[in-house]
Amino acid sequence: CIIGGVKANIGHANHAAGVAGFLKVCKILQNKIIPPQINFTNPNSNLN
Protein backbone atom coordinates (compact mmCIF):
# COMPACT_ATOMS: atom_id res chain seq x y z
CA CYS A 1 0.00 0.00 0.00
CA ILE A 2 1.33 3.38 -1.05
CA ILE A 3 -0.07 6.10 1.20
CA GLY A 4 -0.97 9.54 -0.13
CA GLY A 5 -3.59 12.21 0.05
CA VAL A 6 -4.84 15.37 -1.58
CA LYS A 7 -5.54 17.54 1.47
CA ALA A 8 -2.03 19.01 1.52
CA ASN A 9 -2.40 19.96 -2.14
CA ILE A 10 -5.89 21.49 -2.12
CA GLY A 11 -6.75 22.08 1.54
CA HIS A 12 -9.84 20.91 3.41
CA ALA A 13 -12.31 19.50 0.91
CA ASN A 14 -15.06 18.44 3.36
CA HIS A 15 -17.75 16.82 1.22
CA ALA A 16 -15.58 16.75 -1.92
CA ALA A 17 -12.75 14.81 -0.24
CA GLY A 18 -13.88 11.47 -1.66
CA VAL A 19 -14.20 12.90 -5.15
CA ALA A 20 -10.76 14.51 -4.91
CA GLY A 21 -9.19 11.19 -3.87
CA PHE A 22 -11.02 9.35 -6.65
CA LEU A 23 -9.80 11.87 -9.24
CA LYS A 24 -6.23 11.50 -7.96
CA VAL A 25 -6.40 7.72 -8.43
CA CYS A 26 -7.85 8.20 -11.95
CA LYS A 27 -4.96 10.50 -12.89
CA ILE A 28 -2.43 8.01 -11.46
CA LEU A 29 -3.93 5.25 -13.60
CA GLN A 30 -4.04 7.50 -16.68
CA ASN A 31 -0.50 8.89 -16.40
CA LYS A 32 1.21 5.86 -14.74
CA ILE A 33 2.90 8.25 -12.29
CA ILE A 34 2.30 8.37 -8.54
CA PRO A 35 2.72 12.00 -7.45
CA PRO A 36 4.76 12.73 -4.34
CA GLN A 37 3.11 13.70 -1.08
CA ILE A 38 3.64 17.46 -0.95
CA ASN A 39 5.83 18.80 1.90
CA PHE A 40 6.82 15.25 2.94
CA THR A 41 10.46 14.53 3.74
CA ASN A 42 10.70 11.77 6.36
CA PRO A 43 8.10 9.72 8.19
CA ASN A 44 7.82 9.72 11.96
CA SER A 45 10.30 7.09 13.16
CA ASN A 46 7.64 5.64 15.50
CA LEU A 47 5.69 4.44 12.44
CA ASN A 48 8.42 1.92 11.46
All heavy atoms as atom14 arrays in JSON, in Angstrom:
{
  "sequence": "CIIGGVKANIGHANHAAGVAGFLKVCKILQNKIIPPQINFTNPNSNLN",
  "atom14_mask": [
    [1, 1, 1, 1, 1, 1, 0, 0, 0, 0, 0, 0, 0, 0],
    [1, 1, 1, 1, 1, 1, 1, 1, 0, 0, 0, 0, 0, 0],
    [1, 1, 1, 1, 1, 1, 1, 1, 0, 0, 0, 0, 0, 0],
    [1, 1, 1, 1, 0, 0, 0, 0, 0, 0, 0, 0, 0, 0],
    [1, 1, 1, 1, 0, 0, 0, 0, 0, 0, 0, 0, 0, 0],
    [1, 1, 1, 1, 1, 1, 1, 0, 0, 0, 0, 0, 0, 0],
    [1, 1, 1, 1, 1, 1, 1, 1, 1, 0, 0, 0, 0, 0],
    [1, 1, 1, 1, 1, 0, 0, 0, 0, 0, 0, 0, 0, 0],
    [1, 1, 1, 1, 1, 1, 1, 1, 0, 0, 0, 0, 0, 0],
    [1, 1, 1, 1, 1, 1, 1, 1, 0, 0, 0, 0, 0, 0],
    [1, 1, 1, 1, 0, 0, 0, 0, 0, 0, 0, 0, 0, 0],
    [1, 1, 1, 1, 1, 1, 1, 1, 1, 1, 0, 0, 0, 0],
    [1, 1, 1, 1, 1, 0, 0, 0, 0, 0, 0, 0, 0, 0],
    [1, 1, 1, 1, 1, 1, 1, 1, 0, 0, 0, 0, 0, 0],
    [1, 1, 1, 1, 1, 1, 1, 1, 1, 1, 0, 0, 0, 0],
    [1, 1, 1, 1, 1, 0, 0, 0, 0, 0, 0, 0, 0, 0],
    [1, 1, 1, 1, 1, 0, 0, 0, 0, 0, 0, 0, 0, 0],
    [1, 1, 1, 1, 0, 0, 0, 0, 0, 0, 0, 0, 0, 0],
    [1, 1, 1, 1, 1, 1, 1, 0, 0, 0, 0, 0, 0, 0],
    [1, 1, 1, 1, 1, 0, 0, 0, 0, 0, 0, 0, 0, 0],
    [1, 1, 1, 1, 0, 0, 0, 0, 0, 0, 0, 0, 0, 0],
    [1, 1, 1, 1, 1, 1, 1, 1, 1, 1, 1, 0, 0, 0],
    [1, 1, 1, 1, 1, 1, 1, 1, 0, 0, 0, 0, 0, 0],
    [1, 1, 1, 1, 1, 1, 1, 1, 1, 0, 0, 0, 0, 0],
    [1, 1, 1, 1, 1, 1, 1, 0, 0, 0, 0, 0, 0, 0],
    [1, 1, 1, 1, 1, 1, 0, 0, 0, 0, 0, 0, 0, 0],
    [1, 1, 1, 1, 1, 1, 1, 1, 1, 0, 0, 0, 0, 0],
    [1, 1, 1, 1, 1, 1, 1, 1, 0, 0, 0, 0, 0, 0],
    [1, 1, 1, 1, 1, 1, 1, 1, 0, 0, 0, 0, 0, 0],
    [1, 1, 1, 1, 1, 1, 1, 1, 1, 0, 0, 0, 0, 0],
    [1, 1, 1, 1, 1, 1, 1, 1, 0, 0, 0, 0, 0, 0],
    [1, 1, 1, 1, 1, 1, 1, 1, 1, 0, 0, 0, 0, 0],
    [1, 1, 1, 1, 1, 1, 1, 1, 0, 0, 0, 0, 0, 0],
    [1, 1, 1, 1, 1, 1, 1, 1, 0, 0, 0, 0, 0, 0],
    [1, 1, 1, 1, 1, 1, 1, 0, 0, 0, 0, 0, 0, 0],
    [1, 1, 1, 1, 1, 1, 1, 0, 0, 0, 0, 0, 0, 0],
    [1, 1, 1, 1, 1, 1, 1, 1, 1, 0, 0, 0, 0, 0],
    [1, 1, 1, 1, 1, 1, 1, 1, 0, 0, 0, 0, 0, 0],
    [1, 1, 1, 1, 1, 1, 1, 1, 0, 0, 0, 0, 0, 0],
    [1, 1, 1, 1, 1, 1, 1, 1, 1, 1, 1, 0, 0, 0],
    [1, 1, 1, 1, 1, 1, 1, 0, 0, 0, 0, 0, 0, 0],
    [1, 1, 1, 1, 1, 1, 1, 1, 0, 0, 0, 0, 0, 0],
    [1, 1, 1, 1, 1, 1, 1, 0, 0, 0, 0, 0, 0, 0],
    [1, 1, 1, 1, 1, 1, 1, 1, 0, 0, 0, 0, 0, 0],
    [1, 1, 1, 1, 1, 1, 0, 0, 0, 0, 0, 0, 0, 0],
    [1, 1, 1, 1, 1, 1, 1, 1, 0, 0, 0, 0, 0, 0],
    [1, 1, 1, 1, 1, 1, 1, 1, 0, 0, 0, 0, 0, 0],
    [1, 1, 1, 1, 1, 1, 1, 1, 0, 0, 0, 0, 0, 0]
  ],
  "atom14_positions": [
    [[0.83, -1.2, 0.0], [0.0, 0.0, 0.0], [0.87, 1.25, 0.0], [1.69, 1.44, 0.88], [-0.9, -0.01, 1.23], [-2.07, 1.36, 1.28], [0.0, 0.0, 0.0], [0.0, 0.0, 0.0], [0.0, 0.0, 0.0], [0.0, 0.0, 0.0], [0.0, 0.0, 0.0], [0.0, 0.0, 0.0], [0.0, 0.0, 0.0], [0.0, 0.0, 0.0]],
    [[0.66, 2.09, -0.99], [1.33, 3.38, -1.05], [0.36, 4.42, -0.51], [-0.77, 4.53, -0.98], [1.77, 3.72, -2.49], [2.8, 2.68, -2.93], [2.33, 5.13, -2.56], [3.23, 2.81, -4.36], [0.0, 0.0, 0.0], [0.0, 0.0, 0.0], [0.0, 0.0, 0.0], [0.0, 0.0, 0.0], [0.0, 0.0, 0.0], [0.0, 0.0, 0.0]],
    [[0.78, 5.15, 0.51], [-0.07, 6.1, 1.2], [0.1, 7.49, 0.59], [1.2, 7.93, 0.33], [0.27, 6.16, 2.7], [0.09, 4.79, 3.33], [-0.58, 7.19, 3.41], [0.58, 4.71, 4.76], [0.0, 0.0, 0.0], [0.0, 0.0, 0.0], [0.0, 0.0, 0.0], [0.0, 0.0, 0.0], [0.0, 0.0, 0.0], [0.0, 0.0, 0.0]],
    [[-1.01, 8.17, 0.36], [-0.97, 9.54, -0.13], [-2.31, 10.2, 0.08], [-3.29, 9.55, 0.45], [0.0, 0.0, 0.0], [0.0, 0.0, 0.0], [0.0, 0.0, 0.0], [0.0, 0.0, 0.0], [0.0, 0.0, 0.0], [0.0, 0.0, 0.0], [0.0, 0.0, 0.0], [0.0, 0.0, 0.0], [0.0, 0.0, 0.0], [0.0, 0.0, 0.0]],
    [[-2.35, 11.47, -0.13], [-3.59, 12.21, 0.05], [-3.61, 13.45, -0.81], [-2.64, 13.77, -1.48], [0.0, 0.0, 0.0], [0.0, 0.0, 0.0], [0.0, 0.0, 0.0], [0.0, 0.0, 0.0], [0.0, 0.0, 0.0], [0.0, 0.0, 0.0], [0.0, 0.0, 0.0], [0.0, 0.0, 0.0], [0.0, 0.0, 0.0], [0.0, 0.0, 0.0]],
    [[-4.73, 14.14, -0.79], [-4.84, 15.37, -1.58], [-5.05, 16.6, -0.7], [-4.97, 17.72, -1.18], [-5.99, 15.28, -2.61], [-5.68, 14.25, -3.66], [-7.31, 14.98, -1.95], [0.0, 0.0, 0.0], [0.0, 0.0, 0.0], [0.0, 0.0, 0.0], [0.0, 0.0, 0.0], [0.0, 0.0, 0.0], [0.0, 0.0, 0.0], [0.0, 0.0, 0.0]],
    [[-5.28, 16.41, 0.59], [-5.54, 17.54, 1.47], [-4.4, 18.56, 1.46], [-4.64, 19.76, 1.43], [-5.8, 17.07, 2.9], [-6.1, 18.2, 3.84], [-6.29, 17.7, 5.27], [-6.29, 18.89, 6.19], [-5.9, 18.54, 7.53], [0.0, 0.0, 0.0], [0.0, 0.0, 0.0], [0.0, 0.0, 0.0], [0.0, 0.0, 0.0], [0.0, 0.0, 0.0]],
    [[-3.17, 18.09, 1.5], [-2.03, 19.01, 1.52], [-1.95, 19.82, 0.23], [-1.44, 20.94, 0.23], [-0.74, 18.23, 1.72], [0.0, 0.0, 0.0], [0.0, 0.0, 0.0], [0.0, 0.0, 0.0], [0.0, 0.0, 0.0], [0.0, 0.0, 0.0], [0.0, 0.0, 0.0], [0.0, 0.0, 0.0], [0.0, 0.0, 0.0], [0.0, 0.0, 0.0]],
    [[-2.46, 19.27, -0.86], [-2.4, 19.96, -2.14], [-3.53, 20.96, -2.32], [-3.35, 22.02, -2.92], [-2.45, 18.95, -3.29], [-1.28, 18.0, -3.27], [-1.01, 17.38, -2.26], [-0.6, 17.87, -4.38], [0.0, 0.0, 0.0], [0.0, 0.0, 0.0], [0.0, 0.0, 0.0], [0.0, 0.0, 0.0], [0.0, 0.0, 0.0], [0.0, 0.0, 0.0]],
    [[-4.73, 20.62, -1.84], [-5.89, 21.49, -2.12], [-6.56, 22.02, -0.87], [-7.51, 22.8, -0.97], [-6.94, 20.76, -2.99], [-7.52, 19.56, -2.26], [-6.36, 20.37, -4.33], [-8.69, 18.91, -2.97], [0.0, 0.0, 0.0], [0.0, 0.0, 0.0], [0.0, 0.0, 0.0], [0.0, 0.0, 0.0], [0.0, 0.0, 0.0], [0.0, 0.0, 0.0]],
    [[-6.13, 21.61, 0.31], [-6.75, 22.08, 1.54], [-7.92, 21.2, 1.94], [-8.15, 20.14, 1.38], [0.0, 0.0, 0.0], [0.0, 0.0, 0.0], [0.0, 0.0, 0.0], [0.0, 0.0, 0.0], [0.0, 0.0, 0.0], [0.0, 0.0, 0.0], [0.0, 0.0, 0.0], [0.0, 0.0, 0.0], [0.0, 0.0, 0.0], [0.0, 0.0, 0.0]],
    [[-8.68, 21.66, 2.92], [-9.84, 20.91, 3.41], [-10.9, 20.86, 2.32], [-11.34, 21.88, 1.8], [-10.42, 21.56, 4.66], [-9.48, 21.52, 5.82], [-9.31, 20.4, 6.59], [-8.64, 22.46, 6.32], [-8.43, 20.64, 7.54], [-8.0, 21.89, 7.4], [0.0, 0.0, 0.0], [0.0, 0.0, 0.0], [0.0, 0.0, 0.0], [0.0, 0.0, 0.0]],
    [[-11.33, 19.67, 1.98], [-12.31, 19.5, 0.91], [-13.7, 19.16, 1.44], [-14.67, 19.19, 0.7], [-11.85, 18.42, -0.06], [0.0, 0.0, 0.0], [0.0, 0.0, 0.0], [0.0, 0.0, 0.0], [0.0, 0.0, 0.0], [0.0, 0.0, 0.0], [0.0, 0.0, 0.0], [0.0, 0.0, 0.0], [0.0, 0.0, 0.0], [0.0, 0.0, 0.0]],
    [[-13.8, 18.83, 2.73], [-15.06, 18.44, 3.36], [-15.8, 17.41, 2.52], [-15.35, 16.3, 2.37], [-15.92, 19.66, 3.66], [-15.29, 20.56, 4.7], [-14.52, 20.1, 5.53], [-15.61, 21.84, 4.65], [0.0, 0.0, 0.0], [0.0, 0.0, 0.0], [0.0, 0.0, 0.0], [0.0, 0.0, 0.0], [0.0, 0.0, 0.0], [0.0, 0.0, 0.0]],
    [[-16.92, 17.77, 1.94], [-17.75, 16.82, 1.22], [-17.12, 16.35, -0.08], [-17.45, 15.29, -0.58], [-19.12, 17.43, 0.93], [-19.86, 17.83, 2.17], [-20.24, 16.91, 3.13], [-20.24, 19.03, 2.64], [-20.84, 17.54, 4.11], [-20.85, 18.83, 3.85], [0.0, 0.0, 0.0], [0.0, 0.0, 0.0], [0.0, 0.0, 0.0], [0.0, 0.0, 0.0]],
    [[-16.21, 17.12, -0.64], [-15.58, 16.75, -1.92], [-14.32, 15.91, -1.73], [-13.67, 15.57, -2.7], [-15.25, 18.01, -2.71], [0.0, 0.0, 0.0], [0.0, 0.0, 0.0], [0.0, 0.0, 0.0], [0.0, 0.0, 0.0], [0.0, 0.0, 0.0], [0.0, 0.0, 0.0], [0.0, 0.0, 0.0], [0.0, 0.0, 0.0], [0.0, 0.0, 0.0]],
    [[-13.98, 15.56, -0.5], [-12.75, 14.81, -0.24], [-12.73, 13.48, -0.97], [-11.71, 13.1, -1.55], [-12.57, 14.59, 1.26], [0.0, 0.0, 0.0], [0.0, 0.0, 0.0], [0.0, 0.0, 0.0], [0.0, 0.0, 0.0], [0.0, 0.0, 0.0], [0.0, 0.0, 0.0], [0.0, 0.0, 0.0], [0.0, 0.0, 0.0], [0.0, 0.0, 0.0]],
    [[-13.82, 12.76, -0.97], [-13.88, 11.47, -1.66], [-13.7, 11.62, -3.15], [-13.0, 10.83, -3.79], [0.0, 0.0, 0.0], [0.0, 0.0, 0.0], [0.0, 0.0, 0.0], [0.0, 0.0, 0.0], [0.0, 0.0, 0.0], [0.0, 0.0, 0.0], [0.0, 0.0, 0.0], [0.0, 0.0, 0.0], [0.0, 0.0, 0.0], [0.0, 0.0, 0.0]],
    [[-14.32, 12.64, -3.71], [-14.2, 12.9, -5.15], [-12.77, 13.28, -5.49], [-12.22, 12.81, -6.49], [-15.19, 14.0, -5.6], [-14.96, 14.38, -7.05], [-16.62, 13.55, -5.38], [0.0, 0.0, 0.0], [0.0, 0.0, 0.0], [0.0, 0.0, 0.0], [0.0, 0.0, 0.0], [0.0, 0.0, 0.0], [0.0, 0.0, 0.0], [0.0, 0.0, 0.0]],
    [[-12.14, 14.09, -4.66], [-10.76, 14.51, -4.91], [-9.83, 13.3, -4.89], [-8.95, 13.16, -5.74], [-10.32, 15.55, -3.88], [0.0, 0.0, 0.0], [0.0, 0.0, 0.0], [0.0, 0.0, 0.0], [0.0, 0.0, 0.0], [0.0, 0.0, 0.0], [0.0, 0.0, 0.0], [0.0, 0.0, 0.0], [0.0, 0.0, 0.0], [0.0, 0.0, 0.0]],
    [[-10.01, 12.4, -3.93], [-9.19, 11.19, -3.87], [-9.42, 10.3, -5.07], [-8.48, 9.73, -5.64], [0.0, 0.0, 0.0], [0.0, 0.0, 0.0], [0.0, 0.0, 0.0], [0.0, 0.0, 0.0], [0.0, 0.0, 0.0], [0.0, 0.0, 0.0], [0.0, 0.0, 0.0], [0.0, 0.0, 0.0], [0.0, 0.0, 0.0], [0.0, 0.0, 0.0]],
    [[-10.68, 10.15, -5.48], [-11.02, 9.35, -6.65], [-10.37, 9.91, -7.9], [-9.8, 9.17, -8.71], [-12.54, 9.29, -6.82], [-12.98, 8.56, -8.05], [-12.9, 7.18, -8.12], [-13.48, 9.25, -9.14], [-13.3, 6.5, -9.27], [-13.88, 8.59, -10.28], [-13.8, 7.21, -10.35], [0.0, 0.0, 0.0], [0.0, 0.0, 0.0], [0.0, 0.0, 0.0]],
    [[-10.42, 11.23, -8.07], [-9.8, 11.87, -9.24], [-8.29, 11.68, -9.23], [-7.67, 11.48, -10.29], [-10.16, 13.35, -9.31], [-11.63, 13.64, -9.59], [-11.9, 15.15, -9.5], [-12.03, 13.11, -10.95], [0.0, 0.0, 0.0], [0.0, 0.0, 0.0], [0.0, 0.0, 0.0], [0.0, 0.0, 0.0], [0.0, 0.0, 0.0], [0.0, 0.0, 0.0]],
    [[-7.67, 11.72, -8.05], [-6.23, 11.5, -7.96], [-5.88, 10.09, -8.43], [-4.94, 9.9, -9.21], [-5.74, 11.71, -6.53], [-4.25, 11.47, -6.37], [-3.78, 11.71, -4.94], [-2.29, 11.45, -4.83], [-1.81, 11.68, -3.46], [0.0, 0.0, 0.0], [0.0, 0.0, 0.0], [0.0, 0.0, 0.0], [0.0, 0.0, 0.0], [0.0, 0.0, 0.0]],
    [[-6.65, 9.1, -8.01], [-6.4, 7.72, -8.43], [-6.59, 7.59, -9.94], [-5.81, 6.93, -10.62], [-7.32, 6.73, -7.68], [-7.26, 5.35, -8.28], [-6.95, 6.7, -6.21], [0.0, 0.0, 0.0], [0.0, 0.0, 0.0], [0.0, 0.0, 0.0], [0.0, 0.0, 0.0], [0.0, 0.0, 0.0], [0.0, 0.0, 0.0], [0.0, 0.0, 0.0]],
    [[-7.62, 8.24, -10.49], [-7.85, 8.2, -11.95], [-6.66, 8.77, -12.71], [-6.23, 8.21, -13.73], [-9.12, 8.95, -12.31], [-10.63, 8.13, -11.78], [0.0, 0.0, 0.0], [0.0, 0.0, 0.0], [0.0, 0.0, 0.0], [0.0, 0.0, 0.0], [0.0, 0.0, 0.0], [0.0, 0.0, 0.0], [0.0, 0.0, 0.0], [0.0, 0.0, 0.0]],
    [[-6.12, 9.89, -12.23], [-4.96, 10.5, -12.89], [-3.71, 9.62, -12.76], [-2.9, 9.55, -13.68], [-4.69, 11.9, -12.32], [-5.77, 12.92, -12.62], [-6.04, 13.07, -14.1], [-5.01, 13.89, -14.79], [-5.25, 14.11, -16.21], [0.0, 0.0, 0.0], [0.0, 0.0, 0.0], [0.0, 0.0, 0.0], [0.0, 0.0, 0.0], [0.0, 0.0, 0.0]],
    [[-3.56, 8.94, -11.63], [-2.43, 8.01, -11.46], [-2.54, 6.89, -12.49], [-1.56, 6.54, -13.15], [-2.4, 7.45, -10.03], [-1.98, 8.53, -9.04], [-1.44, 6.25, -9.94], [-2.14, 8.13, -7.58], [0.0, 0.0, 0.0], [0.0, 0.0, 0.0], [0.0, 0.0, 0.0], [0.0, 0.0, 0.0], [0.0, 0.0, 0.0], [0.0, 0.0, 0.0]],
    [[-3.73, 6.33, -12.64], [-3.93, 5.25, -13.6], [-3.74, 5.72, -15.03], [-3.21, 5.0, -15.87], [-5.3, 4.63, -13.41], [-5.52, 3.91, -12.08], [-6.98, 3.47, -11.95], [-4.58, 2.73, -11.94], [0.0, 0.0, 0.0], [0.0, 0.0, 0.0], [0.0, 0.0, 0.0], [0.0, 0.0, 0.0], [0.0, 0.0, 0.0], [0.0, 0.0, 0.0]],
    [[-4.16, 6.95, -15.33], [-4.04, 7.5, -16.68], [-2.58, 7.79, -17.03], [-2.12, 7.46, -18.12], [-4.86, 8.78, -16.79], [-4.79, 9.46, -18.14], [-5.56, 10.76, -18.17], [-5.71, 11.44, -17.16], [-6.07, 11.11, -19.33], [0.0, 0.0, 0.0], [0.0, 0.0, 0.0], [0.0, 0.0, 0.0], [0.0, 0.0, 0.0], [0.0, 0.0, 0.0]],
    [[-1.86, 8.42, -16.11], [-0.5, 8.89, -16.4], [0.59, 7.89, -16.0], [1.75, 8.09, -16.33], [-0.24, 10.22, -15.7], [-1.18, 11.29, -16.19], [-1.52, 11.34, -17.37], [-1.62, 12.15, -15.29], [0.0, 0.0, 0.0], [0.0, 0.0, 0.0], [0.0, 0.0, 0.0], [0.0, 0.0, 0.0], [0.0, 0.0, 0.0], [0.0, 0.0, 0.0]],
    [[0.24, 6.86, -15.22], [1.21, 5.86, -14.74], [2.31, 6.49, -13.9], [3.44, 6.02, -13.88], [1.83, 5.08, -15.91], [0.83, 4.42, -16.82], [0.21, 3.2, -16.16], [-0.6, 2.41, -17.17], [-1.98, 2.32, -16.86], [0.0, 0.0, 0.0], [0.0, 0.0, 0.0], [0.0, 0.0, 0.0], [0.0, 0.0, 0.0], [0.0, 0.0, 0.0]],
    [[1.97, 7.57, -13.2], [2.9, 8.25, -12.29], [2.19, 8.48, -10.96], [1.1, 9.03, -10.93], [3.38, 9.61, -12.85], [4.12, 9.45, -14.16], [4.22, 10.39, -11.84], [5.5, 8.85, -14.03], [0.0, 0.0, 0.0], [0.0, 0.0, 0.0], [0.0, 0.0, 0.0], [0.0, 0.0, 0.0], [0.0, 0.0, 0.0], [0.0, 0.0, 0.0]],
    [[2.83, 8.08, -9.87], [2.3, 8.37, -8.54], [2.94, 9.68, -8.09], [4.17, 9.75, -7.96], [2.63, 7.25, -7.55], [2.05, 5.92, -8.04], [2.12, 7.61, -6.15], [2.51, 4.72, -7.26], [0.0, 0.0, 0.0], [0.0, 0.0, 0.0], [0.0, 0.0, 0.0], [0.0, 0.0, 0.0], [0.0, 0.0, 0.0], [0.0, 0.0, 0.0]],
    [[2.14, 10.72, -7.86], [2.72, 12.0, -7.45], [3.23, 11.94, -6.02], [2.71, 11.17, -5.2], [1.55, 12.98, -7.57], [0.34, 12.14, -7.39], [0.68, 10.78, -7.95], [0.0, 0.0, 0.0], [0.0, 0.0, 0.0], [0.0, 0.0, 0.0], [0.0, 0.0, 0.0], [0.0, 0.0, 0.0], [0.0, 0.0, 0.0], [0.0, 0.0, 0.0]],
    [[4.24, 12.74, -5.71], [4.76, 12.73, -4.34], [3.78, 13.39, -3.37], [2.96, 14.22, -3.77], [6.05, 13.55, -4.44], [5.82, 14.46, -5.6], [4.95, 13.68, -6.56], [0.0, 0.0, 0.0], [0.0, 0.0, 0.0], [0.0, 0.0, 0.0], [0.0, 0.0, 0.0], [0.0, 0.0, 0.0], [0.0, 0.0, 0.0], [0.0, 0.0, 0.0]],
    [[3.88, 13.03, -2.11], [3.11, 13.7, -1.08], [3.78, 15.04, -0.82], [4.94, 15.09, -0.43], [3.06, 12.84, 0.2], [2.19, 13.38, 1.28], [0.73, 13.45, 0.89], [0.23, 12.64, 0.13], [0.04, 14.43, 1.41], [0.0, 0.0, 0.0], [0.0, 0.0, 0.0], [0.0, 0.0, 0.0], [0.0, 0.0, 0.0], [0.0, 0.0, 0.0]],
    [[3.07, 16.12, -1.07], [3.64, 17.46, -0.95], [4.12, 17.72, 0.49], [3.5, 17.26, 1.45], [2.63, 18.52, -1.42], [3.3, 19.85, -1.65], [1.47, 18.64, -0.48], [2.45, 20.86, -2.38], [0.0, 0.0, 0.0], [0.0, 0.0, 0.0], [0.0, 0.0, 0.0], [0.0, 0.0, 0.0], [0.0, 0.0, 0.0], [0.0, 0.0, 0.0]],
    [[5.23, 18.41, 0.61], [5.83, 18.8, 1.9], [6.25, 17.61, 2.76], [6.45, 17.75, 3.95], [4.89, 19.7, 2.71], [4.59, 20.99, 1.99], [5.44, 21.55, 1.3], [3.38, 21.47, 2.14], [0.0, 0.0, 0.0], [0.0, 0.0, 0.0], [0.0, 0.0, 0.0], [0.0, 0.0, 0.0], [0.0, 0.0, 0.0], [0.0, 0.0, 0.0]],
    [[6.4, 16.43, 2.18], [6.82, 15.25, 2.94], [8.32, 15.03, 2.74], [8.8, 15.03, 1.61], [6.06, 14.0, 2.48], [6.56, 12.75, 3.12], [6.19, 12.43, 4.42], [7.41, 11.9, 2.44], [6.67, 11.28, 5.02], [7.88, 10.74, 3.03], [7.5, 10.43, 4.32], [0.0, 0.0, 0.0], [0.0, 0.0, 0.0], [0.0, 0.0, 0.0]],
    [[9.03, 14.85, 3.83], [10.46, 14.53, 3.74], [10.76, 13.18, 4.37], [11.26, 12.29, 3.72], [11.32, 15.63, 4.39], [10.86, 15.87, 5.7], [11.28, 16.92, 3.59], [0.0, 0.0, 0.0], [0.0, 0.0, 0.0], [0.0, 0.0, 0.0], [0.0, 0.0, 0.0], [0.0, 0.0, 0.0], [0.0, 0.0, 0.0], [0.0, 0.0, 0.0]],
    [[10.44, 13.03, 5.64], [10.7, 11.77, 6.36], [9.51, 11.41, 7.23], [8.93, 12.28, 7.87], [11.94, 11.9, 7.26], [13.2, 12.17, 6.47], [13.39, 11.59, 5.42], [14.05, 13.03, 6.99], [0.0, 0.0, 0.0], [0.0, 0.0, 0.0], [0.0, 0.0, 0.0], [0.0, 0.0, 0.0], [0.0, 0.0, 0.0], [0.0, 0.0, 0.0]],
    [[9.19, 10.11, 7.31], [8.1, 9.72, 8.19], [8.53, 9.76, 9.66], [9.71, 9.72, 9.97], [7.79, 8.28, 7.76], [9.08, 7.78, 7.22], [9.75, 8.97, 6.59], [0.0, 0.0, 0.0], [0.0, 0.0, 0.0], [0.0, 0.0, 0.0], [0.0, 0.0, 0.0], [0.0, 0.0, 0.0], [0.0, 0.0, 0.0], [0.0, 0.0, 0.0]],
    [[7.56, 9.82, 10.53], [7.82, 9.72, 11.96], [8.47, 8.36, 12.22], [7.96, 7.33, 11.79], [6.5, 9.86, 12.72], [6.68, 9.85, 14.22], [7.48, 9.09, 14.76], [5.91, 10.69, 14.88], [0.0, 0.0, 0.0], [0.0, 0.0, 0.0], [0.0, 0.0, 0.0], [0.0, 0.0, 0.0], [0.0, 0.0, 0.0], [0.0, 0.0, 0.0]],
    [[9.57, 8.34, 12.92], [10.3, 7.09, 13.16], [9.47, 6.08, 13.97], [9.72, 4.87, 13.9], [11.62, 7.36, 13.88], [11.38, 7.99, 15.12], [0.0, 0.0, 0.0], [0.0, 0.0, 0.0], [0.0, 0.0, 0.0], [0.0, 0.0, 0.0], [0.0, 0.0, 0.0], [0.0, 0.0, 0.0], [0.0, 0.0, 0.0], [0.0, 0.0, 0.0]],
    [[8.5, 6.55, 14.72], [7.64, 5.64, 15.5], [6.73, 4.8, 14.61], [6.18, 3.8, 15.06], [6.8, 6.42, 16.51], [7.64, 7.03, 17.6], [8.65, 6.46, 18.0], [7.25, 8.19, 18.08], [0.0, 0.0, 0.0], [0.0, 0.0, 0.0], [0.0, 0.0, 0.0], [0.0, 0.0, 0.0], [0.0, 0.0, 0.0], [0.0, 0.0, 0.0]],
    [[6.55, 5.2, 13.35], [5.69, 4.44, 12.44], [6.35, 3.15, 11.98], [5.65, 2.2, 11.62], [5.32, 5.29, 11.22], [4.43, 6.49, 11.48], [4.25, 7.29, 10.19], [3.09, 6.05, 12.02], [0.0, 0.0, 0.0], [0.0, 0.0, 0.0], [0.0, 0.0, 0.0], [0.0, 0.0, 0.0], [0.0, 0.0, 0.0], [0.0, 0.0, 0.0]],
    [[7.68, 3.1, 11.93], [8.42, 1.92, 11.46], [7.91, 1.43, 10.11], [7.65, 0.24, 9.91], [8.34, 0.78, 12.49], [9.05, 1.12, 13.77], [10.13, 1.71, 13.74], [8.47, 0.77, 14.9], [0.0, 0.0, 0.0], [0.0, 0.0, 0.0], [0.0, 0.0, 0.0], [0.0, 0.0, 0.0], [0.0, 0.0, 0.0], [0.0, 0.0, 0.0]]
  ]
}
